[in-house]
Structure formats: structure tokens, C-alpha cells
Amino acid sequence: MWPFRWGSSRAGGKRPLGPLGEKIAVRCLRERGYKILARNYRCPVGEADIIALDRSTRSELGCETIAFVEVKTRSSEQYVDPESAVDVRKQRQLCRVARHYLAHHRTGGRAARFDVVSILIPQDGRRQVRHIIDAFPPP
């Protein structure tokens, strides 16, 4: 059997990993002072898991930053760590979504970047969350 199962659930639990990971990511971002602008933003060119406003960049950049966040959740690092799943194809797709969002919403000249939130939820339940800020440049 292929090692990855679509719609796999948490060890013994009934909750799918994807939505659980996104919920954890939103909590993590809010704890760091981000304002969530959209979850599961869909447009004709694709989807972004989370779009958030990072206000902490105001003093450094002179403006707030819109972060387009890809969330990757896994139950094991046996085959690949979660953030490695954000390959060049996924980066290009997220960049297209970002362009669409920025073109269709008032952003007030804010900067934009791409983040990845990597979540590992092993069978023992100890979550590991990594927030990778500015994870990749626009492809």
C-alpha cells in the first residue's frame, strides 16, 4: 500500500489531519499577533489555506504584511517532513492565488510574502508546530 492515505485521520481518532492542522495553524498565528483575513480562500486559480495580516512588520518595513500561508500536517516524518511537501508546483499555485487576491482586494500597498506552517501530530499526540516566515520567494 502506498504510504500516504488520502483523508487519513489522526491515530485512532476521527478528525481528519488537514482541518485539524489548519485550526492549529490559525491558533498559532493569532497567538503571534496575526489577524486572519481568510481561511480556505478559493478563487478561479486555486486556494490558499490561510491569508493573514502580520502587523509586526510595520516598524521594520513601514507597512503591514499580508502572509499567504500554506499549512502542511502529517502524522509522521517517516517519508518526508511536512514543509517539504510545498514544492515548486505548489509555490507557483500559491503565487497565482496571491496575485488574484491582491488584484481583487484593497490591500493599501501592503507587502506580501509566503509562509508555511508545518505541523506534525504523531501517535503520541505531542504536536510540533513550525512557522516558517518568508518560506520562499515568489517563483
C-alpha atoms as a PDB file:
ATOM      1  CA  MET A   1       0.000   0.000   0.000  1.00  0.00           C
ATOM      2  CA  TRP A   2       1.197   3.489  -0.810  1.00  0.00           C
ATOM      3  CA  PRO A   3       2.367   5.134   2.420  1.00  0.00           C
ATOM      4  CA  PHE A   4       0.088   8.180   2.124  1.00  0.00           C
ATOM      5  CA  ARG A   5      -3.629   7.823   2.612  1.00  0.00           C
ATOM      6  CA  TRP A   6      -5.994  10.465   1.325  1.00  0.00           C
ATOM      7  CA  GLY A   7      -8.176  11.760   4.096  1.00  0.00           C
ATOM      8  CA  SER A   8      -6.106   9.995   6.715  1.00  0.00           C
ATOM      9  CA  SER A   9      -7.201  10.624  10.222  1.00  0.00           C
ATOM     10  CA  ARG A  10      -5.397  11.171  13.442  1.00  0.00           C
ATOM     11  CA  ALA A  11      -4.154   7.986  15.051  1.00  0.00           C
ATOM     12  CA  GLY A  12      -7.287   6.234  16.185  1.00  0.00           C
ATOM     13  CA  GLY A  13      -9.266   9.461  16.036  1.00  0.00           C
ATOM     14  CA  LYS A  14     -11.992  10.514  13.673  1.00  0.00           C
ATOM     15  CA  ARG A  15     -10.747  14.005  12.864  1.00  0.00           C
ATOM     16  CA  PRO A  16      -9.001  14.443   9.502  1.00  0.00           C
ATOM     17  CA  LEU A  17      -5.486  15.856   9.734  1.00  0.00           C
ATOM     18  CA  GLY A  18      -5.960  18.715   7.249  1.00  0.00           C
ATOM     19  CA  PRO A  19      -8.716  20.647   9.037  1.00  0.00           C
ATOM     20  CA  LEU A  20      -7.139  19.930  12.430  1.00  0.00           C
ATOM     21  CA  GLY A  21      -3.801  21.268  11.186  1.00  0.00           C
ATOM     22  CA  GLU A  22      -5.412  24.419   9.817  1.00  0.00           C
ATOM     23  CA  LYS A  23      -7.157  25.009  13.153  1.00  0.00           C
ATOM     24  CA  ILE A  24      -3.812  24.630  14.970  1.00  0.00           C
ATOM     25  CA  ALA A  25      -2.124  26.954  12.457  1.00  0.00           C
ATOM     26  CA  VAL A  26      -4.777  29.649  12.928  1.00  0.00           C
ATOM     27  CA  ARG A  27      -4.331  29.462  16.702  1.00  0.00           C
ATOM     28  CA  CYS A  28      -0.539  29.696  16.311  1.00  0.00           C
ATOM     29  CA  LEU A  29      -0.790  32.728  14.029  1.00  0.00           C
ATOM     30  CA  ARG A  30      -3.268  34.509  16.292  1.00  0.00           C
ATOM     31  CA  GLU A  31      -1.003  33.914  19.296  1.00  0.00           C
ATOM     32  CA  ARG A  32       1.753  35.676  17.347  1.00  0.00           C
ATOM     33  CA  GLY A  33      -0.477  38.694  16.734  1.00  0.00           C
ATOM     34  CA  TYR A  34      -1.621  37.946  13.182  1.00  0.00           C
ATOM     35  CA  LYS A  35      -5.089  38.919  12.041  1.00  0.00           C
ATOM     36  CA  ILE A  36      -6.742  36.185   9.978  1.00  0.00           C
ATOM     37  CA  LEU A  37      -8.177  37.691   6.790  1.00  0.00           C
ATOM     38  CA  ALA A  38      -9.372  34.467   5.145  1.00  0.00           C
ATOM     39  CA  ARG A  39      -9.377  30.707   5.633  1.00  0.00           C
ATOM     40  CA  ASN A  40      -9.562  28.331   2.692  1.00  0.00           C
ATOM     41  CA  TYR A  41      -9.663  31.257   0.262  1.00  0.00           C
ATOM     42  CA  ARG A  42     -10.802  29.938  -3.109  1.00  0.00           C
ATOM     43  CA  CYS A  43     -10.610  31.733  -6.420  1.00  0.00           C
ATOM     44  CA  PRO A  44     -10.516  30.688 -10.097  1.00  0.00           C
ATOM     45  CA  VAL A  45      -6.768  29.998  -9.945  1.00  0.00           C
ATOM     46  CA  GLY A  46      -6.649  27.905  -6.765  1.00  0.00           C
ATOM     47  CA  GLU A  47      -6.821  28.022  -2.986  1.00  0.00           C
ATOM     48  CA  ALA A  48      -4.838  29.423  -0.083  1.00  0.00           C
ATOM     49  CA  ASP A  49      -5.170  27.740   3.297  1.00  0.00           C
ATOM     50  CA  ILE A  50      -4.844  30.967   5.285  1.00  0.00           C
ATOM     51  CA  ILE A  51      -4.380  34.625   4.425  1.00  0.00           C
ATOM     52  CA  ALA A  52      -3.247  36.643   7.422  1.00  0.00           C
ATOM     53  CA  LEU A  53      -2.091  40.135   8.258  1.00  0.00           C
ATOM     54  CA  ASP A  54       1.239  40.400  10.079  1.00  0.00           C
ATOM     55  CA  ARG A  55       1.188  43.740  11.847  1.00  0.00           C
ATOM     56  CA  SER A  56       4.646  43.288  13.372  1.00  0.00           C
ATOM     57  CA  THR A  57       6.355  44.322  10.121  1.00  0.00           C
ATOM     58  CA  ARG A  58       5.000  47.876  10.325  1.00  0.00           C
ATOM     59  CA  SER A  59       8.019  49.226  12.201  1.00  0.00           C
ATOM     60  CA  GLU A  60      10.565  47.371  10.073  1.00  0.00           C
ATOM     61  CA  LEU A  61       9.029  47.776   6.603  1.00  0.00           C
ATOM     62  CA  GLY A  62       6.805  50.764   7.170  1.00  0.00           C
ATOM     63  CA  CYS A  63       3.727  48.695   6.365  1.00  0.00           C
ATOM     64  CA  GLU A  64       1.904  45.588   7.470  1.00  0.00           C
ATOM     65  CA  THR A  65       2.472  42.369   5.526  1.00  0.00           C
ATOM     66  CA  ILE A  66      -0.101  40.050   4.041  1.00  0.00           C
ATOM     67  CA  ALA A  67       1.052  36.459   4.559  1.00  0.00           C
ATOM     68  CA  PHE A  68      -0.244  33.757   2.253  1.00  0.00           C
ATOM     69  CA  VAL A  69       0.100  30.675   4.429  1.00  0.00           C
ATOM     70  CA  GLU A  70       0.290  27.066   3.292  1.00  0.00           C
ATOM     71  CA  VAL A  71      -0.420  24.559   6.066  1.00  0.00           C
ATOM     72  CA  LYS A  72       1.035  21.055   5.886  1.00  0.00           C
ATOM     73  CA  THR A  73       0.083  18.494   8.505  1.00  0.00           C
ATOM     74  CA  ARG A  74       1.462  14.994   8.870  1.00  0.00           C
ATOM     75  CA  SER A  75       1.218  12.233  11.438  1.00  0.00           C
ATOM     76  CA  SER A  76       4.777  11.091  10.797  1.00  0.00           C
ATOM     77  CA  GLU A  77       8.045  12.360   9.305  1.00  0.00           C
ATOM     78  CA  GLN A  78       8.856   8.828   8.165  1.00  0.00           C
ATOM     79  CA  TYR A  79       8.607   9.685   4.470  1.00  0.00           C
ATOM     80  CA  VAL A  80       9.033  13.455   4.309  1.00  0.00           C
ATOM     81  CA  ASP A  81       8.799  16.398   6.688  1.00  0.00           C
ATOM     82  CA  PRO A  82       5.596  18.408   6.173  1.00  0.00           C
ATOM     83  CA  GLU A  83       7.183  21.578   4.781  1.00  0.00           C
ATOM     84  CA  SER A  84       8.973  19.604   2.055  1.00  0.00           C
ATOM     85  CA  ALA A  85       5.555  18.979   0.510  1.00  0.00           C
ATOM     86  CA  VAL A  86       5.440  22.646  -0.537  1.00  0.00           C
ATOM     87  CA  ASP A  87       7.228  22.001  -3.810  1.00  0.00           C
ATOM     88  CA  VAL A  88       7.774  24.380  -6.739  1.00  0.00           C
ATOM     89  CA  ARG A  89       4.405  23.478  -8.277  1.00  0.00           C
ATOM     90  CA  LYS A  90       2.600  24.347  -5.036  1.00  0.00           C
ATOM     91  CA  GLN A  91       4.642  27.549  -4.692  1.00  0.00           C
ATOM     92  CA  ARG A  92       3.607  28.663  -8.199  1.00  0.00           C
ATOM     93  CA  GLN A  93      -0.032  27.881  -7.489  1.00  0.00           C
ATOM     94  CA  LEU A  94       0.038  29.851  -4.220  1.00  0.00           C
ATOM     95  CA  CYS A  95       1.699  32.760  -6.029  1.00  0.00           C
ATOM     96  CA  ARG A  96      -1.138  32.807  -8.596  1.00  0.00           C
ATOM     97  CA  VAL A  97      -3.694  32.833  -5.769  1.00  0.00           C
ATOM     98  CA  ALA A  98      -1.803  35.695  -4.086  1.00  0.00           C
ATOM     99  CA  ARG A  99      -1.802  37.735  -7.297  1.00  0.00           C
ATOM    100  CA  HIS A 100      -5.549  37.177  -7.666  1.00  0.00           C
ATOM    101  CA  TYR A 101      -6.238  38.139  -4.050  1.00  0.00           C
ATOM    102  CA  LEU A 102      -4.095  41.287  -4.238  1.00  0.00           C
ATOM    103  CA  ALA A 103      -5.763  42.331  -7.504  1.00  0.00           C
ATOM    104  CA  HIS A 104      -9.291  41.898  -6.139  1.00  0.00           C
ATOM    105  CA  HIS A 105      -8.976  43.243  -2.580  1.00  0.00           C
ATOM    106  CA  ARG A 106      -7.984  46.579  -1.150  1.00  0.00           C
ATOM    107  CA  THR A 107      -4.572  45.958   0.309  1.00  0.00           C
ATOM    108  CA  GLY A 108      -3.402  49.527   0.770  1.00  0.00           C
ATOM    109  CA  GLY A 109       0.094  48.939  -0.596  1.00  0.00           C
ATOM    110  CA  ARG A 110       0.925  46.290   1.981  1.00  0.00           C
ATOM    111  CA  ALA A 111       3.840  43.975   1.419  1.00  0.00           C
ATOM    112  CA  ALA A 112       3.169  40.294   0.704  1.00  0.00           C
ATOM    113  CA  ARG A 113       5.043  37.114   1.474  1.00  0.00           C
ATOM    114  CA  PHE A 114       4.619  33.348   1.618  1.00  0.00           C
ATOM    115  CA  ASP A 115       4.757  31.423   4.891  1.00  0.00           C
ATOM    116  CA  VAL A 116       4.468  27.722   5.672  1.00  0.00           C
ATOM    117  CA  VAL A 117       3.102  26.275   8.885  1.00  0.00           C
ATOM    118  CA  SER A 118       4.342  22.732   9.305  1.00  0.00           C
ATOM    119  CA  ILE A 119       2.511  20.576  11.833  1.00  0.00           C
ATOM    120  CA  LEU A 120       3.491  17.124  12.992  1.00  0.00           C
ATOM    121  CA  ILE A 121       0.946  15.171  15.056  1.00  0.00           C
ATOM    122  CA  PRO A 122       2.474  11.785  15.898  1.00  0.00           C
ATOM    123  CA  GLN A 123       0.534   8.964  17.510  1.00  0.00           C
ATOM    124  CA  ASP A 124       1.599  10.068  20.986  1.00  0.00           C
ATOM    125  CA  GLY A 125      -0.300  13.328  20.351  1.00  0.00           C
ATOM    126  CA  ARG A 126       2.611  15.705  21.045  1.00  0.00           C
ATOM    127  CA  ARG A 127       2.210  18.364  18.413  1.00  0.00           C
ATOM    128  CA  GLN A 128       5.171  20.044  16.792  1.00  0.00           C
ATOM    129  CA  VAL A 129       4.391  23.316  15.050  1.00  0.00           C
ATOM    130  CA  ARG A 130       6.921  25.177  12.900  1.00  0.00           C
ATOM    131  CA  HIS A 131       6.064  28.551  11.398  1.00  0.00           C
ATOM    132  CA  ILE A 132       8.424  29.305   8.533  1.00  0.00           C
ATOM    133  CA  ILE A 133       8.211  33.016   7.769  1.00  0.00           C
ATOM    134  CA  ASP A 134       9.011  34.075   4.214  1.00  0.00           C
ATOM    135  CA  ALA A 135       9.422  30.399   3.322  1.00  0.00           C
ATOM    136  CA  PHE A 136      10.026  31.007  -0.379  1.00  0.00           C
ATOM    137  CA  PRO A 137      10.299  33.906  -2.815  1.00  0.00           C
ATOM    138  CA  PRO A 138       7.646  34.339  -5.495  1.00  0.00           C
ATOM    139  CA  PRO A 139       8.529  31.784  -8.179  1.00  0.00           C
END
